[in-house]
Amino acid sequence: MSEPVTRTPLFGAEQAPRYERQSLIAQYQEMVGVNLIVVIDDIMPVRMTILEELLFDCDPAKDLHVLLASPGGDGETALRMVRSMQLRCKELTVIVPDMAKSAATILCLGAHRILMGPGGDLGPIDPQMIRYSNGRPVGASSAKEIVAAVDEAEERVTRNPSTVGLFASLLSEVNMLVLQQAKSALARSESLMAEALKSTDRLTPKGVKDLTRRLQAPLIKVPTSHSAVITADDALDLGLPVEKADPASAEWRLLWSLWSRYFALGCFPAGNVPIYEAVRASHAG
């Protein structure tokens, strides 16, 4: 007697890439003995429920590995995400094949281990502010850059009052509320960093305090660009629990095969196709 058909041919053909990725996730889980989920997206509050879909049936007795790629986003959401991940595992490893910037770096700080690929990097904790035009979101700008732009405009107008019209036009999207929100977000960055470090049992309270102090300059104060690169060696020097992936290992070859499929899908770095995927759940787009 033939097996019942669970998928129609067209549906199976259309979804074949998804099933192939989930098969690779299952292979990695069996090889390493962990749960694996994939998060490739800006980190924003609206995505929290989708993350929960990946985590809801994770065995907390197992380690959790998270393949993460993100240019950043909302730091408060990153903290919520890493706390939720920690509740679903024995130990948390964040895998960085490409970049995990800003809010994504905050998420990494809450891990027991950060596994960085040869081209992986972390970045400054630089809050991103959503820009609106006619009530619609049109992109995001760095909080640090917003504050710096206003400060420079004030300085130039003070030196040359005739330029007030020019700078008023250039900063037309920045009102006092946006400026205050940017300043508040920057002031909150250090606390977010400390709270992420506290979310794991890896550090004592004194260890959290000392590491937060050590990270303040390189992650918050010194960088002038959101795209500044913090390599695996930099992160190790800062005292973060980083391990360099072995490109020749079977585990990394499998992860790279999986990552390559997401890249080919167009989900990164353009960010046009957000991905939340696990062996039994998949949200793409």
Protein backbone atom coordinates (compact mmCIF):
# COMPACT_ATOMS: atom_id res chain seq x y z
CA MET A 1 0.00 0.00 0.00
CA SER A 2 1.44 3.36 -1.03
CA GLU A 3 2.24 6.10 1.51
CA PRO A 4 -0.32 8.94 1.71
CA VAL A 5 0.69 12.11 -0.11
CA THR A 6 1.26 14.86 2.46
CA ARG A 7 2.08 17.64 0.00
CA THR A 8 0.81 18.35 -3.46
CA PRO A 9 3.50 18.38 -6.16
CA LEU A 10 3.27 22.13 -6.83
CA PHE A 11 3.29 23.04 -3.14
CA GLY A 12 6.25 20.73 -2.57
CA ALA A 13 8.14 22.26 -5.49
CA GLU A 14 7.44 25.82 -4.35
CA GLN A 15 8.52 25.07 -0.77
CA ALA A 16 11.48 22.82 -1.60
CA PRO A 17 14.14 25.42 -0.62
CA ARG A 18 12.47 25.82 2.79
CA TYR A 19 12.42 22.06 3.39
CA GLU A 20 16.05 21.83 2.31
CA ARG A 21 17.08 24.51 4.83
CA GLN A 22 15.11 22.82 7.60
CA SER A 23 16.78 19.52 6.71
CA LEU A 24 20.18 21.17 7.19
CA ILE A 25 19.01 22.55 10.55
CA ALA A 26 17.99 19.02 11.57
CA GLN A 27 21.36 17.64 10.45
CA TYR A 28 23.20 20.23 12.54
CA GLN A 29 21.05 19.49 15.57
CA GLU A 30 21.78 15.79 15.29
CA MET A 31 25.51 16.36 14.68
CA VAL A 32 26.05 18.74 17.61
CA GLY A 33 23.27 17.60 19.97
CA VAL A 34 21.62 21.02 20.34
CA ASN A 35 18.60 22.99 19.24
CA LEU A 36 19.30 25.41 16.37
CA ILE A 37 17.23 28.43 15.33
CA VAL A 38 17.94 31.06 12.68
CA VAL A 39 17.27 34.80 13.07
CA ILE A 40 18.15 37.10 10.16
CA ASP A 41 16.45 40.48 10.49
CA ASP A 42 16.41 43.92 12.05
CA ILE A 43 15.67 43.48 15.75
CA MET A 44 12.29 45.11 16.32
CA PRO A 45 9.45 44.61 18.85
CA VAL A 46 7.01 43.33 16.25
CA ARG A 47 9.24 40.28 15.68
CA MET A 48 9.14 39.06 19.28
CA THR A 49 6.12 36.80 18.76
CA ILE A 50 7.73 35.19 15.71
CA LEU A 51 10.84 34.42 17.77
CA GLU A 52 8.64 32.83 20.43
CA GLU A 53 7.25 30.53 17.73
CA LEU A 54 10.77 29.15 17.23
CA LEU A 55 11.40 28.73 20.94
CA PHE A 56 8.11 27.48 22.37
CA ASP A 57 8.94 23.75 22.22
CA CYS A 58 12.72 23.91 22.72
CA ASP A 59 13.96 21.38 25.29
CA PRO A 60 15.45 23.50 28.13
CA ALA A 61 17.77 20.61 29.02
CA LYS A 62 19.62 21.10 25.71
CA ASP A 63 21.93 23.87 24.58
CA LEU A 64 20.49 26.39 22.13
CA HIS A 65 22.44 27.68 19.14
CA VAL A 66 21.21 30.79 17.33
CA LEU A 67 22.44 31.61 13.83
CA LEU A 68 22.19 35.40 13.93
CA ALA A 69 22.70 38.09 11.30
CA SER A 70 21.41 41.60 11.90
CA PRO A 71 22.42 45.23 11.35
CA GLY A 72 20.82 46.10 14.70
CA GLY A 73 17.55 47.63 15.80
CA ASP A 74 15.87 48.07 19.16
CA GLY A 75 18.06 47.32 22.18
CA GLU A 76 15.13 46.71 24.54
CA THR A 77 13.84 44.02 22.17
CA ALA A 78 17.30 42.44 21.98
CA LEU A 79 17.28 42.16 25.76
CA ARG A 80 13.80 40.58 25.74
CA MET A 81 14.93 38.14 23.06
CA VAL A 82 18.06 36.96 24.86
CA ARG A 83 16.20 36.55 28.15
CA SER A 84 13.59 34.42 26.40
CA MET A 85 16.32 32.34 24.74
CA GLN A 86 18.06 31.76 28.08
CA LEU A 87 14.85 30.34 29.54
CA ARG A 88 14.73 27.71 26.78
CA CYS A 89 18.21 26.19 27.12
CA LYS A 90 21.02 24.95 29.31
CA GLU A 91 23.60 27.15 27.57
CA LEU A 92 23.20 29.71 24.78
CA THR A 93 25.57 30.05 21.83
CA VAL A 94 25.13 32.82 19.26
CA ILE A 95 26.68 32.04 15.87
CA VAL A 96 27.77 35.06 13.79
CA PRO A 97 28.52 34.18 10.15
CA ASP A 98 28.43 37.80 8.94
CA MET A 99 27.49 40.76 11.15
CA ALA A 100 25.65 41.26 14.42
CA LYS A 101 25.64 45.01 15.02
CA SER A 102 24.31 47.27 17.76
CA ALA A 103 21.16 45.64 19.22
CA ALA A 104 22.38 42.31 17.82
CA THR A 105 25.63 42.83 19.74
CA ILE A 106 23.54 43.34 22.89
CA LEU A 107 21.92 39.97 22.19
CA CYS A 108 25.38 38.40 21.80
CA LEU A 109 26.45 39.80 25.18
CA GLY A 110 23.74 37.68 26.80
CA ALA A 111 25.17 34.42 25.44
CA HIS A 112 27.41 31.92 27.18
CA ARG A 113 29.43 31.67 23.96
CA ILE A 114 29.76 33.66 20.72
CA LEU A 115 30.94 31.57 17.76
CA MET A 116 32.25 33.91 15.06
CA GLY A 117 32.85 32.90 11.47
CA PRO A 118 35.94 34.05 9.55
CA GLY A 119 34.03 37.06 8.21
CA GLY A 120 31.86 37.66 11.26
CA ASP A 121 31.91 40.87 13.27
CA LEU A 122 30.14 42.66 16.08
CA GLY A 123 29.59 46.39 16.18
CA PRO A 124 29.03 49.46 18.33
CA ILE A 125 25.95 49.59 20.54
CA ASP A 126 24.38 52.47 18.68
CA PRO A 127 20.57 52.72 19.02
CA GLN A 128 18.65 53.12 15.78
CA MET A 129 15.80 55.63 15.58
CA ILE A 130 12.96 55.00 13.14
CA ARG A 131 12.44 57.93 10.74
CA TYR A 132 8.94 58.85 9.61
CA SER A 133 7.60 60.79 6.65
CA ASN A 134 3.90 61.66 6.54
CA GLY A 135 3.34 59.22 9.38
CA ARG A 136 5.04 56.30 7.61
CA PRO A 137 8.37 54.67 8.58
CA VAL A 138 10.99 55.41 5.91
CA GLY A 139 14.14 54.03 7.50
CA ALA A 140 16.34 54.31 10.57
CA SER A 141 19.11 56.64 11.69
CA SER A 142 21.76 56.26 14.35
CA ALA A 143 20.90 58.00 17.63
CA LYS A 144 24.52 59.06 17.94
CA GLU A 145 24.47 60.56 14.43
CA ILE A 146 21.22 62.44 15.14
CA VAL A 147 22.69 64.04 18.27
CA ALA A 148 25.98 64.81 16.49
CA ALA A 149 24.19 66.38 13.52
CA VAL A 150 22.12 68.67 15.73
CA ASP A 151 25.17 69.66 17.79
CA GLU A 152 27.16 70.49 14.66
CA ALA A 153 24.25 72.44 13.15
CA GLU A 154 23.94 74.53 16.32
CA GLU A 155 27.68 75.20 16.32
CA ARG A 156 27.72 76.26 12.66
CA VAL A 157 24.63 78.46 12.99
CA THR A 158 26.18 80.13 16.03
CA ARG A 159 29.29 80.90 13.96
CA ASN A 160 27.33 81.93 10.88
CA PRO A 161 23.65 82.81 11.56
CA SER A 162 22.92 83.18 7.84
CA THR A 163 23.09 79.36 7.48
CA VAL A 164 20.08 78.77 9.73
CA GLY A 165 17.79 78.16 6.76
CA LEU A 166 20.11 75.55 5.27
CA PHE A 167 20.42 73.56 8.48
CA ALA A 168 16.70 73.89 9.25
CA SER A 169 16.03 72.22 5.90
CA LEU A 170 18.64 69.49 6.41
CA LEU A 171 17.29 68.64 9.87
CA SER A 172 13.61 69.01 9.01
CA GLU A 173 12.83 65.45 10.23
CA VAL A 174 14.50 66.03 13.62
CA ASN A 175 12.27 67.78 16.16
CA MET A 176 12.92 68.21 19.87
CA LEU A 177 11.08 64.99 20.71
CA VAL A 178 13.23 62.94 18.30
CA LEU A 179 16.39 64.58 19.66
CA GLN A 180 15.41 63.81 23.26
CA GLN A 181 14.53 60.23 22.33
CA ALA A 182 17.95 59.83 20.71
CA LYS A 183 19.71 61.18 23.81
CA SER A 184 17.66 58.92 26.08
CA ALA A 185 18.46 55.89 23.93
CA LEU A 186 22.17 56.64 24.14
CA ALA A 187 21.97 57.07 27.90
CA ARG A 188 20.22 53.70 28.18
CA SER A 189 22.89 51.84 26.16
CA GLU A 190 25.19 51.09 29.08
CA SER A 191 22.32 49.74 31.18
CA LEU A 192 21.19 47.49 28.32
CA MET A 193 24.72 46.18 27.98
CA ALA A 194 24.92 45.38 31.70
CA GLU A 195 21.47 43.74 31.75
CA ALA A 196 22.40 41.52 28.79
CA LEU A 197 25.57 40.40 30.57
CA LYS A 198 23.47 39.61 33.68
CA SER A 199 21.10 37.36 31.71
CA THR A 200 23.64 34.52 31.78
CA ASP A 201 25.13 32.85 34.84
CA ARG A 202 28.58 33.15 33.26
CA LEU A 203 29.58 36.21 35.32
CA THR A 204 29.41 37.24 38.96
CA PRO A 205 27.83 40.62 39.79
CA LYS A 206 31.35 42.05 40.10
CA GLY A 207 32.28 40.46 36.78
CA VAL A 208 29.28 42.11 35.11
CA LYS A 209 30.24 45.48 36.56
CA ASP A 210 33.88 45.18 35.53
CA LEU A 211 33.11 43.98 31.99
CA THR A 212 30.47 46.68 31.50
CA ARG A 213 33.05 49.31 32.46
CA ARG A 214 35.60 47.77 30.07
CA LEU A 215 33.11 47.65 27.17
CA GLN A 216 31.77 51.17 27.60
CA ALA A 217 34.46 52.94 25.57
CA PRO A 218 34.94 50.50 22.65
CA LEU A 219 31.25 49.70 22.21
CA ILE A 220 29.52 52.99 23.06
CA LYS A 221 31.70 56.07 23.42
CA VAL A 222 34.59 55.76 20.97
CA PRO A 223 33.06 54.47 17.69
CA THR A 224 31.98 57.24 15.35
CA SER A 225 30.26 55.00 12.78
CA HIS A 226 27.49 52.42 13.10
CA SER A 227 29.42 50.25 10.63
CA ALA A 228 32.58 50.09 12.76
CA VAL A 229 33.91 46.52 12.87
CA ILE A 230 34.72 44.56 16.03
CA THR A 231 36.48 41.36 14.97
CA ALA A 232 36.73 38.11 16.87
CA ASP A 233 40.22 39.09 18.05
CA ASP A 234 38.93 42.50 19.22
CA ALA A 235 36.09 40.82 21.10
CA LEU A 236 38.48 38.36 22.76
CA ASP A 237 40.72 41.23 23.86
CA LEU A 238 37.66 42.89 25.43
CA GLY A 239 36.95 39.78 27.50
CA LEU A 240 33.93 38.46 25.58
CA PRO A 241 33.33 34.65 25.40
CA VAL A 242 34.22 34.43 21.71
CA GLU A 243 35.38 31.35 19.86
CA LYS A 244 36.63 31.40 16.29
CA ALA A 245 34.90 28.89 14.05
CA ASP A 246 37.14 26.36 12.34
CA PRO A 247 36.35 26.74 8.61
CA ALA A 248 37.49 23.17 7.97
CA SER A 249 35.24 21.58 10.60
CA ALA A 250 32.18 19.57 9.60
CA GLU A 251 30.01 21.72 11.87
CA TRP A 252 31.07 24.99 10.24
CA ARG A 253 30.78 23.58 6.71
CA LEU A 254 27.21 22.60 7.49
CA LEU A 255 26.43 26.01 8.98
CA TRP A 256 27.99 27.76 5.98
CA SER A 257 25.94 25.63 3.62
CA LEU A 258 22.83 26.74 5.52
CA TRP A 259 23.90 30.40 5.62
CA SER A 260 24.63 30.38 1.88
CA ARG A 261 21.04 29.43 1.18
CA TYR A 262 19.75 32.39 3.17
CA PHE A 263 22.17 34.71 1.40
CA ALA A 264 21.02 33.41 -2.00
CA LEU A 265 17.45 34.03 -0.90
CA GLY A 266 18.29 37.74 -0.68
CA CYS A 267 17.71 38.08 3.04
CA PHE A 268 21.09 39.64 3.82
CA PRO A 269 22.57 42.20 3.77
CA ALA A 270 19.67 43.90 1.99
CA GLY A 271 17.27 42.76 4.71
CA ASN A 272 14.40 42.43 2.24
CA VAL A 273 13.53 38.89 3.40
CA PRO A 274 13.50 38.55 7.19
CA ILE A 275 14.05 34.95 8.29
CA TYR A 276 12.97 33.16 11.46
CA GLU A 277 13.46 29.44 11.01
CA ALA A 278 13.78 26.24 13.02
CA VAL A 279 13.35 22.57 12.32
CA ARG A 280 9.54 22.77 12.78
CA ALA A 281 8.78 26.46 12.21
CA SER A 282 9.55 28.80 9.35
CA HIS A 283 8.73 32.45 8.74
CA ALA A 284 10.38 33.91 5.65
CA GLY A 285 9.40 37.32 4.34
